[in-house]
C-alpha cells in the first residue's frame, strides 16, 4: 500500500463495557467457583485493555501490524482495535515555523539576512509517516533550502542609478515574493504529504558587513532625488518670474541683467541655508 487509507475501528465505549464485564466477571467466577480455570478469560480480557485508541480533535493515529500499514484513524473519540497494533500519533493541526535568519546572496551578489514564517499542516499521514524520516525536520530543512533559492532569484532592491531595474525585488514586491516562496516550499513538501497554508518573509535586511555602506547609498540616492526636485522647482520659479516681469513691463532687463538675476535666484532657491539679502542703495551698476 502506497497511499493513505482511512479506517474506523470498533466503538471504544462498547468494547470497554465488554472488556470490564469479562475481566471482573472472570475473577468473580474464579472466587465463587473456586476454580482457577476462570482466570484464563480474565488474563485474555486484561490484554484487551491495550487495544483502546483515543484520538483527540485534529489528531490522527497511524496503525501498523508487524511493520505493515493497516490504516489511519482520523475520526475523534475512543476506539478499540487489535491490541497488537502499533499506534503512531500524527497531528493534523496547523503549525507555525519561524526559520532562523540565514545569510544568503541576492541576485546581484549582495549578502542579505533573511528568514521566513511558514504555516503548514499534514494532509497525508501515510506520506508523513513513511515517505520521509522525520517530517518536522524535513519541513525545516526544505524551508531553508527554498529561502536560499528564492533569495538568489531576486535582488534586494532596485538600483536605477546604475541602470539595474527589476520588476520584482525582495524589499518592495512583498506579495509576489510570498507567492513564489509559498509555491516553492509547497512543491518541496508535497513528498511528505504536507500542505503549505502560508509562507512569507519574516525578516529581511542587508548583512552587517555591507549594511552601513548600503545605508549611505540609500541616503545619497534620496539626497540626489531631493536636489533634483529642488533644482527643477527653482528653474520653473525663475522662468515664471522672468515671464511675469516681461509681461507686466515692470523693468527692462538686458541679457546680462537676466543672467545675474537667474544666478541670484538659483543660489537663493537651491541653497541649504536662508540667504542674507544685501540692499543696493546706489544704481544698478554699483
Foldseek 3Di string as FASTA:
>chain_A
DQFAAEDAAAAQVVLVVVLVCLQVVLVVCCVVVVPCVSVVSNVVSVLQVLFKDAAAQQKKKFKDAPNHTDHMYHDGDIHGDDSRIDIDMFGQDKDKDKAAFDWEAAQVGFTKTWIKIWIKGADTQSLQPPVDDHLVVQLRVQLVVLVRVLRHDAAQDADVVVPGDDPDHLPPNFPVSFVSSQVSSQVSSVSSRMHTPGMGIDDIAGDPVCRVVVVVVVVVVVVVVVLVVQQVVLVVVLVVVVVVCVVVVPDDDDPVRSVVVSVVSSCQSNPPDHDDDDDDPDDPVD
